[in-house]
């Protein structure tokens, strides 16, 4: 039979608050509605979530694959001792007044529960490294001078296989990522398509929509003077939830902002362009644009740079 006390600890102890009491600091910039990213001065970085199926608070350490689980594992993996000692600590924690605990700004009070698949996506993304130079991207005309632009900060990472990763987000946060390498295109196992997007600025007056993140970045390289543009990628054909995400993105644009339908110059690109036109907010100006050379913007960029 399940140990009822241990089960109560797993669901009843806010792991974000407990981690904060142990020296972890919440990174609000990287956190979302369904994940809390926290860092320790010893270099550890953990991601905390809530299991949709069980209601347990769970975590994983970015630097150690073996360091993951519930609050019980969190304690034991940090010198908490035997299960008996862990019980004592958590009993005392649950019995203490929260007002005497950690400052409210230091942790999240609750999180939107996530599926096992989404938790796996978050784990894979957090274990990837920032990408500032990658031979595959350089071969496609995208070098460190582009990847280090503030517009694309945090929007490209690289995994252990040197795949370039481009994160997708939906209304609840990170939901997947595009994977690109020489001769390989994939998507995060267990993930779902949301939208890849660049950093946005309040001064933006143009949204460029493409079929891939690489095409979006390529468009920027080809049009460096259009500093007022933000970029989004669908990762190919529209999925069932993407029309609502795209409409919301267009609604958030400043009044008078232009939407460029910069999808591929082929039948598939025309189909997506028509679908976006159908769901665009009333009064929003949309314009179809295609590259002068090749099927997509990266084809055009490689031709311009003599990389074809």
Foldseek 3Di string as FASTA:
>chain_A
DDDVLVLCLQQVDPVQQVVVQVAWFWDVVPAFQAWTWTAHPVGWIKIWGAAPVRNGIKMAILVDRVQIGGVQSVCVVVVQDDPVSVSVVSVVVSPDDCVPGDDPNRGDPHHDHDYPLQVVQVSQLSNFAQDQAAVQLVLLVDHNVLCPDQQAVPQWTAGPVRWIWGFAAAPGGTFWTWTDGVVDTDIRVSGDWEKGKTDADLQAQEEEEEADPSLFSLVCVVVVVNPNYIYMHRVFAHDPPHLVNLQVVLVPHPPNGEYELQYWPDPRSVVRVVVNVVSHDPPHHYHYDYDPDDGTSSRNSCVVVVSD
